[in-house]
C-alpha atoms as a PDB file:
ATOM      1  CA  MET A   1     -77.100  15.048-232.978  1.00  0.00           C
ATOM      2  CA  LYS A   2     -77.468  14.616-236.449  1.00  0.00           C
ATOM      3  CA  THR A   3     -78.729  11.282-238.142  1.00  0.00           C
ATOM      4  CA  ASP A   4     -80.472  12.336-240.811  1.00  0.00           C
ATOM      5  CA  PHE A   5     -78.699  10.328-242.992  1.00  0.00           C
ATOM      6  CA  PHE A   6     -80.168   6.843-242.319  1.00  0.00           C
ATOM      7  CA  ASP A   7     -82.899   6.158-245.241  1.00  0.00           C
ATOM      8  CA  PRO A   8     -86.160   6.429-243.106  1.00  0.00           C
ATOM      9  CA  ILE A   9     -89.007   3.501-242.788  1.00  0.00           C
ATOM     10  CA  GLN A  10     -92.563   4.899-241.802  1.00  0.00           C
ATOM     11  CA  LEU A  11     -94.171   3.202-239.063  1.00  0.00           C
ATOM     12  CA  GLU A  12     -96.790   1.230-240.389  1.00  0.00           C
ATOM     13  CA  GLU A  13     -93.631  -0.744-242.141  1.00  0.00           C
ATOM     14  CA  MET A  14     -92.392  -1.870-238.614  1.00  0.00           C
ATOM     15  CA  ASP A  15     -94.752  -4.849-238.670  1.00  0.00           C
ATOM     16  CA  ARG A  16     -92.097  -6.648-240.844  1.00  0.00           C
ATOM     17  CA  VAL A  17     -89.938  -6.705-237.974  1.00  0.00           C
ATOM     18  CA  LYS A  18     -91.771  -6.743-234.770  1.00  0.00           C
ATOM     19  CA  LEU A  19     -89.737  -9.663-233.580  1.00  0.00           C
ATOM     20  CA  MET A  20     -91.662 -10.264-230.554  1.00  0.00           C
ATOM     21  CA  ASN A  21     -89.915 -13.647-229.691  1.00  0.00           C
ATOM     22  CA  ARG A  22     -86.487 -12.930-230.285  1.00  0.00           C
ATOM     23  CA  THR A  23     -82.861 -13.022-228.547  1.00  0.00           C
ATOM     24  CA  ASP A  24     -81.232  -9.614-226.906  1.00  0.00           C
ATOM     25  CA  ARG A  25     -77.779  -8.344-226.882  1.00  0.00           C
ATOM     26  CA  LYS A  26     -77.531  -5.291-225.214  1.00  0.00           C
ATOM     27  CA  TYR A  27     -74.456  -2.659-224.800  1.00  0.00           C
ATOM     28  CA  TRP A  28     -73.871   0.730-223.125  1.00  0.00           C
ATOM     29  CA  CYS A  29     -71.060   3.278-223.738  1.00  0.00           C
ATOM     30  CA  HIS A  30     -70.613   7.103-223.340  1.00  0.00           C
ATOM     31  CA  PHE A  31     -72.482   9.587-225.981  1.00  0.00           C
ATOM     32  CA  ASN A  32     -69.260  10.775-227.734  1.00  0.00           C
ATOM     33  CA  PHE A  33     -68.966   7.476-229.152  1.00  0.00           C
ATOM     34  CA  LEU A  34     -72.498   7.414-230.614  1.00  0.00           C
ATOM     35  CA  PRO A  35     -71.600   9.645-234.017  1.00  0.00           C
ATOM     36  CA  GLU A  36     -68.646   7.804-235.331  1.00  0.00           C
ATOM     37  CA  LEU A  37     -70.289   4.446-234.522  1.00  0.00           C
ATOM     38  CA  LEU A  38     -73.751   5.202-236.576  1.00  0.00           C
ATOM     39  CA  GLN A  39     -71.916   7.037-239.285  1.00  0.00           C
ATOM     40  CA  SER A  40     -70.054   3.701-240.007  1.00  0.00           C
ATOM     41  CA  ILE A  41     -73.260   1.725-240.189  1.00  0.00           C
ATOM     42  CA  LYS A  42     -75.611   4.414-241.791  1.00  0.00           C
ATOM     43  CA  HIS A  43     -76.009   1.919-245.250  1.00  0.00           C
ATOM     44  CA  ASN A  44     -76.934  -1.100-243.296  1.00  0.00           C
ATOM     45  CA  TYR A  45     -80.056   0.428-241.582  1.00  0.00           C
ATOM     46  CA  TYR A  46     -83.344   1.961-242.095  1.00  0.00           C
ATOM     47  CA  SER A  47     -84.120   4.337-239.246  1.00  0.00           C
ATOM     48  CA  LEU A  48     -88.124   4.766-237.779  1.00  0.00           C
ATOM     49  CA  ASN A  49     -89.092   7.856-239.007  1.00  0.00           C
ATOM     50  CA  ILE A  50     -92.437   9.594-237.634  1.00  0.00           C
ATOM     51  CA  ASP A  51     -93.272  13.413-238.988  1.00  0.00           C
ATOM     52  CA  GLY A  52     -89.626  13.928-239.936  1.00  0.00           C
ATOM     53  CA  GLU A  53     -88.285  12.876-236.922  1.00  0.00           C
ATOM     54  CA  ASN A  54     -86.382   9.585-236.062  1.00  0.00           C
ATOM     55  CA  GLN A  55     -84.830  10.864-232.629  1.00  0.00           C
ATOM     56  CA  LEU A  56     -88.669   9.694-230.560  1.00  0.00           C
ATOM     57  CA  PRO A  57     -89.456  10.280-226.933  1.00  0.00           C
ATOM     58  CA  TYR A  58     -90.630   7.544-224.894  1.00  0.00           C
ATOM     59  CA  ALA A  59     -92.076   7.035-221.486  1.00  0.00           C
ATOM     60  CA  THR A  60     -92.722   3.599-219.218  1.00  0.00           C
ATOM     61  CA  THR A  61     -94.215   3.196-216.102  1.00  0.00           C
ATOM     62  CA  TYR A  62     -92.715  -0.023-214.702  1.00  0.00           C
ATOM     63  CA  TYR A  63     -95.019  -1.899-211.880  1.00  0.00           C
ATOM     64  CA  ASP A  64     -94.027  -4.387-209.177  1.00  0.00           C
ATOM     65  CA  THR A  65     -95.358  -6.182-206.313  1.00  0.00           C
ATOM     66  CA  THR A  66     -95.089  -4.799-202.707  1.00  0.00           C
ATOM     67  CA  LYS A  67     -92.344  -7.411-202.455  1.00  0.00           C
ATOM     68  CA  ASN A  68     -90.380  -6.074-205.317  1.00  0.00           C
ATOM     69  CA  GLU A  69     -90.950  -9.594-207.010  1.00  0.00           C
ATOM     70  CA  MET A  70     -89.916  -8.713-210.442  1.00  0.00           C
ATOM     71  CA  TYR A  71     -87.228  -7.029-209.168  1.00  0.00           C
ATOM     72  CA  ALA A  72     -85.772  -9.508-206.976  1.00  0.00           C
ATOM     73  CA  SER A  73     -85.929 -12.322-209.262  1.00  0.00           C
ATOM     74  CA  HIS A  74     -83.499 -10.316-211.874  1.00  0.00           C
ATOM     75  CA  HIS A  75     -81.315  -9.224-208.881  1.00  0.00           C
ATOM     76  CA  ASN A  76     -80.923 -12.929-207.978  1.00  0.00           C
ATOM     77  CA  GLY A  77     -80.306 -14.020-211.302  1.00  0.00           C
ATOM     78  CA  LYS A  78     -83.299 -16.085-211.714  1.00  0.00           C
ATOM     79  CA  LEU A  79     -84.447 -16.916-215.028  1.00  0.00           C
ATOM     80  CA  ASN A  80     -88.291 -17.061-216.264  1.00  0.00           C
ATOM     81  CA  ARG A  81     -88.525 -14.077-215.292  1.00  0.00           C
ATOM     82  CA  PHE A  82     -91.243 -10.933-216.296  1.00  0.00           C
ATOM     83  CA  LYS A  83     -91.363  -7.346-216.249  1.00  0.00           C
ATOM     84  CA  ILE A  84     -94.902  -5.483-216.652  1.00  0.00           C
ATOM     85  CA  ARG A  85     -94.627  -1.998-217.975  1.00  0.00           C
ATOM     86  CA  ARG A  86     -97.165   0.611-219.464  1.00  0.00           C
ATOM     87  CA  ARG A  87     -95.173   2.339-222.405  1.00  0.00           C
ATOM     88  CA  SER A  88     -95.990   5.224-224.303  1.00  0.00           C
ATOM     89  CA  TYR A  89     -94.844   5.866-227.901  1.00  0.00           C
ATOM     90  CA  VAL A  90     -94.845   9.467-227.550  1.00  0.00           C
ATOM     91  CA  ALA A  91     -94.532  10.904-230.785  1.00  0.00           C
ATOM     92  CA  SER A  92     -97.335   8.589-232.564  1.00  0.00           C
ATOM     93  CA  GLY A  93     -99.531   8.737-229.658  1.00  0.00           C
ATOM     94  CA  ILE A  94     -99.570   5.019-228.911  1.00  0.00           C
ATOM     95  CA  SER A  95     -99.219   3.301-225.364  1.00  0.00           C
ATOM     96  CA  PHE A  96     -99.600  -0.333-224.874  1.00  0.00           C
ATOM     97  CA  LEU A  97     -99.497  -2.698-221.425  1.00  0.00           C
ATOM     98  CA  GLU A  98     -96.809  -4.422-222.113  1.00  0.00           C
ATOM     99  CA  ILE A  99     -95.299  -8.075-220.809  1.00  0.00           C
ATOM    100  CA  LYS A 100     -91.873  -9.104-221.119  1.00  0.00           C
ATOM    101  CA  PHE A 101     -90.879 -12.591-220.525  1.00  0.00           C
ATOM    102  CA  LYS A 102     -87.064 -13.255-220.266  1.00  0.00           C
ATOM    103  CA  SER A 103     -86.918 -17.379-220.462  1.00  0.00           C
ATOM    104  CA  ASN A 104     -84.533 -19.775-219.557  1.00  0.00           C
ATOM    105  CA  LYS A 105     -83.170 -20.228-222.946  1.00  0.00           C
ATOM    106  CA  GLY A 106     -82.046 -16.948-223.130  1.00  0.00           C
ATOM    107  CA  ARG A 107     -85.314 -15.548-225.021  1.00  0.00           C
ATOM    108  CA  THR A 108     -87.007 -12.567-224.832  1.00  0.00           C
ATOM    109  CA  ILE A 109     -90.844 -12.924-225.266  1.00  0.00           C
ATOM    110  CA  LYS A 110     -93.221  -9.916-225.358  1.00  0.00           C
ATOM    111  CA  LYS A 111     -96.885  -9.456-225.595  1.00  0.00           C
ATOM    112  CA  ARG A 112     -98.807  -6.563-225.378  1.00  0.00           C
ATOM    113  CA  ILE A 113    -102.092  -4.977-225.724  1.00  0.00           C
ATOM    114  CA  PRO A 114    -103.326  -1.475-226.364  1.00  0.00           C
ATOM    115  CA  ALA A 115    -103.385   0.909-223.063  1.00  0.00           C
ATOM    116  CA  ASP A 116    -104.311   4.445-221.894  1.00  0.00           C
ATOM    117  CA  PHE A 117    -100.742   5.263-220.130  1.00  0.00           C
ATOM    118  CA  SER A 118    -102.239   7.651-218.263  1.00  0.00           C
ATOM    119  CA  ASN A 119    -104.777   5.749-216.715  1.00  0.00           C
ATOM    120  CA  PRO A 120    -103.237   4.858-213.220  1.00  0.00           C
ATOM    121  CA  ARG A 121    -105.553   1.930-212.686  1.00  0.00           C
ATOM    122  CA  PHE A 122    -105.633  -1.327-214.462  1.00  0.00           C
ATOM    123  CA  THR A 123    -108.611  -1.987-216.416  1.00  0.00           C
ATOM    124  CA  LYS A 124    -110.783  -5.611-216.752  1.00  0.00           C
ATOM    125  CA  PRO A 125    -108.972  -6.832-219.954  1.00  0.00           C
ATOM    126  CA  GLU A 126    -105.614  -5.659-218.540  1.00  0.00           C
ATOM    127  CA  ASP A 127    -106.169  -7.411-215.099  1.00  0.00           C
ATOM    128  CA  GLU A 128    -107.271 -10.615-217.459  1.00  0.00           C
ATOM    129  CA  PHE A 129    -104.117  -9.759-219.661  1.00  0.00           C
ATOM    130  CA  ILE A 130    -101.735  -9.783-216.469  1.00  0.00           C
ATOM    131  CA  SER A 131    -103.532 -13.168-214.703  1.00  0.00           C
ATOM    132  CA  THR A 132    -103.054 -14.755-218.351  1.00  0.00           C
ATOM    133  CA  TYR A 133     -99.783 -14.420-218.746  1.00  0.00           C
ATOM    134  CA  THR A 134     -97.838 -13.849-215.819  1.00  0.00           C
ATOM    135  CA  PRO A 135     -98.078 -15.389-212.131  1.00  0.00           C
ATOM    136  CA  TYR A 136     -99.384 -11.715-210.757  1.00  0.00           C
ATOM    137  CA  SER A 137    -102.554 -10.156-210.200  1.00  0.00           C
ATOM    138  CA  CYS A 138    -103.322  -6.134-210.730  1.00  0.00           C
ATOM    139  CA  LEU A 139    -104.258  -6.087-207.139  1.00  0.00           C
ATOM    140  CA  GLU A 140    -100.888  -6.670-205.744  1.00  0.00           C
ATOM    141  CA  LEU A 141     -99.270  -4.565-208.365  1.00  0.00           C
ATOM    142  CA  LYS A 142     -98.265  -0.679-208.201  1.00  0.00           C
ATOM    143  CA  PRO A 143     -95.826   1.566-209.804  1.00  0.00           C
ATOM    144  CA  SER A 144     -92.524   1.097-208.941  1.00  0.00           C
ATOM    145  CA  LEU A 145     -90.606   3.456-211.543  1.00  0.00           C
ATOM    146  CA  ILE A 146     -91.058   6.019-214.478  1.00  0.00           C
ATOM    147  CA  ASN A 147     -88.154   5.823-217.085  1.00  0.00           C
ATOM    148  CA  GLU A 148     -88.123   8.410-219.946  1.00  0.00           C
ATOM    149  CA  PHE A 149     -85.633   8.364-222.606  1.00  0.00           C
ATOM    150  CA  THR A 150     -85.488   9.298-226.845  1.00  0.00           C
ATOM    151  CA  ARG A 151     -84.711   6.346-228.796  1.00  0.00           C
ATOM    152  CA  LEU A 152     -83.230   5.603-232.391  1.00  0.00           C
ATOM    153  CA  THR A 153     -84.913   2.748-233.841  1.00  0.00           C
ATOM    154  CA  LEU A 154     -82.829   0.831-236.800  1.00  0.00           C
ATOM    155  CA  VAL A 155     -83.871  -1.581-238.750  1.00  0.00           C
ATOM    156  CA  ASN A 156     -81.885  -3.872-240.754  1.00  0.00           C
ATOM    157  CA  LYS A 157     -82.177  -3.943-244.298  1.00  0.00           C
ATOM    158  CA  ASN A 158     -82.592  -7.429-244.616  1.00  0.00           C
ATOM    159  CA  PHE A 159     -85.619  -7.107-241.982  1.00  0.00           C
ATOM    160  CA  LYS A 160     -84.440  -9.699-239.681  1.00  0.00           C
ATOM    161  CA  GLU A 161     -82.778  -7.424-236.583  1.00  0.00           C
ATOM    162  CA  ARG A 162     -84.332  -4.319-234.942  1.00  0.00           C
ATOM    163  CA  CYS A 163     -81.898  -2.496-232.927  1.00  0.00           C
ATOM    164  CA  THR A 164     -82.813   0.611-230.636  1.00  0.00           C
ATOM    165  CA  ILE A 165     -80.361   3.266-229.394  1.00  0.00           C
ATOM    166  CA  ASP A 166     -81.633   5.187-225.755  1.00  0.00           C
ATOM    167  CA  LEU A 167     -80.236   8.513-225.176  1.00  0.00           C
ATOM    168  CA  ASN A 168     -81.127  11.342-222.213  1.00  0.00           C
ATOM    169  CA  LEU A 169     -82.362   8.473-219.712  1.00  0.00           C
ATOM    170  CA  GLN A 170     -84.342   9.807-216.892  1.00  0.00           C
ATOM    171  CA  PHE A 171     -85.121   7.588-213.964  1.00  0.00           C
ATOM    172  CA  LYS A 172     -87.932   8.904-211.523  1.00  0.00           C
ATOM    173  CA  ASN A 173     -90.319   7.756-208.430  1.00  0.00           C
ATOM    174  CA  ALA A 174     -91.986   9.731-205.956  1.00  0.00           C
ATOM    175  CA  ASP A 175     -88.921  11.044-204.133  1.00  0.00           C
ATOM    176  CA  ARG A 176     -86.194  11.392-206.623  1.00  0.00           C
ATOM    177  CA  THR A 177     -85.408  11.687-210.414  1.00  0.00           C
ATOM    178  CA  THR A 178     -82.083  10.882-211.472  1.00  0.00           C
ATOM    179  CA  ALA A 179     -80.756  11.627-215.432  1.00  0.00           C
ATOM    180  CA  LEU A 180     -78.202   9.670-216.906  1.00  0.00           C
ATOM    181  CA  GLU A 181     -77.353  12.120-219.408  1.00  0.00           C
ATOM    182  CA  ASN A 182     -74.158  10.910-221.299  1.00  0.00           C
ATOM    183  CA  LEU A 183     -75.081   7.387-221.075  1.00  0.00           C
ATOM    184  CA  VAL A 184     -75.980   5.604-224.335  1.00  0.00           C
ATOM    185  CA  ILE A 185     -77.771   1.854-224.529  1.00  0.00           C
ATOM    186  CA  VAL A 186     -77.816   0.001-227.328  1.00  0.00           C
ATOM    187  CA  GLU A 187     -80.009  -3.030-227.924  1.00  0.00           C
ATOM    188  CA  ILE A 188     -80.072  -5.481-230.652  1.00  0.00           C
ATOM    189  CA  LYS A 189     -82.973  -7.610-231.302  1.00  0.00           C
ATOM    190  CA  SER A 190     -83.119 -10.431-233.823  1.00  0.00           C
ATOM    191  CA  GLU A 191     -84.421 -13.832-234.312  1.00  0.00           C
ATOM    192  CA  GLY A 192     -81.153 -15.648-234.091  1.00  0.00           C
ATOM    193  CA  ASN A 193     -77.522 -15.090-233.266  1.00  0.00           C
ATOM    194  CA  SER A 194     -76.878 -10.920-233.450  1.00  0.00           C
ATOM    195  CA  VAL A 195     -73.036 -11.147-233.282  1.00  0.00           C
ATOM    196  CA  VAL A 196     -73.375 -11.035-237.401  1.00  0.00           C
ATOM    197  CA  SER A 197     -74.912  -7.756-237.541  1.00  0.00           C
ATOM    198  CA  PRO A 198     -73.565  -4.975-238.807  1.00  0.00           C
ATOM    199  CA  LEU A 199     -74.369  -3.039-235.855  1.00  0.00           C
ATOM    200  CA  ALA A 200     -72.604  -5.913-233.383  1.00  0.00           C
ATOM    201  CA  ILE A 201     -69.437  -5.733-235.417  1.00  0.00           C
ATOM    202  CA  ALA A 202     -69.097  -2.049-235.382  1.00  0.00           C
ATOM    203  CA  LEU A 203     -69.801  -2.049-231.356  1.00  0.00           C
ATOM    204  CA  ARG A 204     -66.654  -4.639-231.413  1.00  0.00           C
ATOM    205  CA  ASP A 205     -64.358  -2.620-233.913  1.00  0.00           C
ATOM    206  CA  HIS A 206     -65.000   0.249-231.140  1.00  0.00           C
ATOM    207  CA  ARG A 207     -64.135  -1.823-228.240  1.00  0.00           C
ATOM    208  CA  ILE A 208     -67.693  -1.512-226.864  1.00  0.00           C
ATOM    209  CA  LYS A 209     -68.366  -5.056-225.326  1.00  0.00           C
ATOM    210  CA  THR A 210     -71.926  -6.741-225.094  1.00  0.00           C
ATOM    211  CA  SER A 211     -73.240  -5.777-221.517  1.00  0.00           C
ATOM    212  CA  GLY A 212     -76.619  -6.591-219.688  1.00  0.00           C
ATOM    213  CA  PHE A 213     -78.575  -3.661-218.794  1.00  0.00           C
ATOM    214  CA  SER A 214     -82.052  -3.452-217.340  1.00  0.00           C
ATOM    215  CA  LYS A 215     -83.273  -0.160-217.425  1.00  0.00           C
ATOM    216  CA  TYR A 216     -86.142  -1.151-214.747  1.00  0.00           C
ATOM    217  CA  CYS A 217     -83.297  -2.829-212.096  1.00  0.00           C
ATOM    218  CA  VAL A 218     -80.521  -0.182-213.166  1.00  0.00           C
ATOM    219  CA  GLY A 219     -82.991   2.318-212.564  1.00  0.00           C
ATOM    220  CA  ARG A 220     -84.700   1.024-209.258  1.00  0.00           C
ATOM    221  CA  ALA A 221     -80.993   0.215-207.541  1.00  0.00           C
ATOM    222  CA  ILE A 222     -80.102   4.072-208.418  1.00  0.00           C
ATOM    223  CA  ILE A 223     -82.550   5.820-206.960  1.00  0.00           C
ATOM    224  CA  ASP A 224     -84.456   3.565-204.594  1.00  0.00           C
ATOM    225  CA  PRO A 225     -81.844   3.188-201.700  1.00  0.00           C
ATOM    226  CA  GLY A 226     -84.008   0.880-199.538  1.00  0.00           C
ATOM    227  CA  ILE A 227     -84.047  -1.732-202.104  1.00  0.00           C
ATOM    228  CA  LYS A 228     -81.427  -4.780-202.277  1.00  0.00           C
ATOM    229  CA  ARG A 229     -78.677  -4.052-205.048  1.00  0.00           C
ATOM    230  CA  ASN A 230     -75.219  -5.963-204.117  1.00  0.00           C
ATOM    231  CA  ALA A 231     -76.000  -7.511-207.403  1.00  0.00           C
ATOM    232  CA  PHE A 232     -75.960  -4.183-209.483  1.00  0.00           C
ATOM    233  CA  LYS A 233     -73.321  -2.087-207.283  1.00  0.00           C
ATOM    234  CA  GLU A 234     -70.489  -2.992-209.623  1.00  0.00           C
ATOM    235  CA  LYS A 235     -72.673  -2.099-213.109  1.00  0.00           C
ATOM    236  CA  ILE A 236     -73.443   0.708-211.314  1.00  0.00           C
ATOM    237  CA  ARG A 237     -69.825   2.180-210.780  1.00  0.00           C
ATOM    238  CA  SER A 238     -68.814   1.044-214.191  1.00  0.00           C
ATOM    239  CA  ILE A 239     -71.593   3.447-215.376  1.00  0.00           C
ATOM    240  CA  GLU A 240     -70.675   6.032-213.197  1.00  0.00           C
ATOM    241  CA  LYS A 241     -66.913   5.919-214.673  1.00  0.00           C
ATOM    242  CA  ALA A 242     -67.865   5.399-218.206  1.00  0.00           C
ATOM    243  CA  ILE A 243     -70.200   8.537-218.379  1.00  0.00           C
ATOM    244  CA  GLN A 244     -68.235  10.893-216.126  1.00  0.00           C
ATOM    245  CA  ILE A 245     -70.372  11.712-213.587  1.00  0.00           C
ATOM    246  CA  ASN A 246     -69.487  12.971-210.121  1.00  0.00           C
ATOM    247  CA  LYS A 247     -68.484   9.650-208.168  1.00  0.00           C
ATOM    248  CA  ASN A 248     -71.177   8.703-204.860  1.00  0.00           C
ATOM    249  CA  ILE A 249     -73.822  10.411-207.311  1.00  0.00           C
ATOM    250  CA  PHE A 250     -75.990   6.963-206.348  1.00  0.00           C
ATOM    251  CA  ASP A 251     -75.282   6.808-203.222  1.00  0.00           C
ATOM    252  CA  LEU A 252     -74.098   2.961-202.798  1.00  0.00           C
ATOM    253  CA  ASN A 253     -73.321   2.664-199.385  1.00  0.00           C
END
């Protein structure tokens, strides 16, 4: 897919729009909508560019307790909830241990420290980081999902908004791999109300409505048949229909 019509922004300039305390708005749609959508906003945004590329690979390992407490908190609609993950920004060779906290005020607060993505064990500094900012200990955490995708990162030219567009999603665990090749996930991240963003307006004009989407929870619900997923079944069936894949691929019985 051609995306080189955006003015580029370099990685070192991204510090101007970290947005570690922000509001998020998510959307998802079929890939076919994307080229026209991007053309309509090309003058409003920069795209993150590394070594001449702006469609960049990401890899994430999520962690949860043996009782899947973080997944259950989201499934049951609990606010003030956490997600813990290692993420590799593959093109840049950078990786972090990240904690995402969703507050009861609807804000997402992210903290992170540098980490070795390939290390399956938590280091002492990582243990202290997790214990300080979450109610969990690294001793009770285990890898629960691997997620890989390609990301186009856009920065509003006013530097008050960052948007991510994720393609080629793939979910893995020890037993199964599932790819959602036609699915596109759009997330608008801003300090305030993202409704006024050019991308949000373009999505509305294309009749694409906001809809929550947690890659961790949807991924777990799709590939782990033993986990509780009643709250996500309707969303997963909507995804099946929207991206035109065979029914029952997710085995929702």
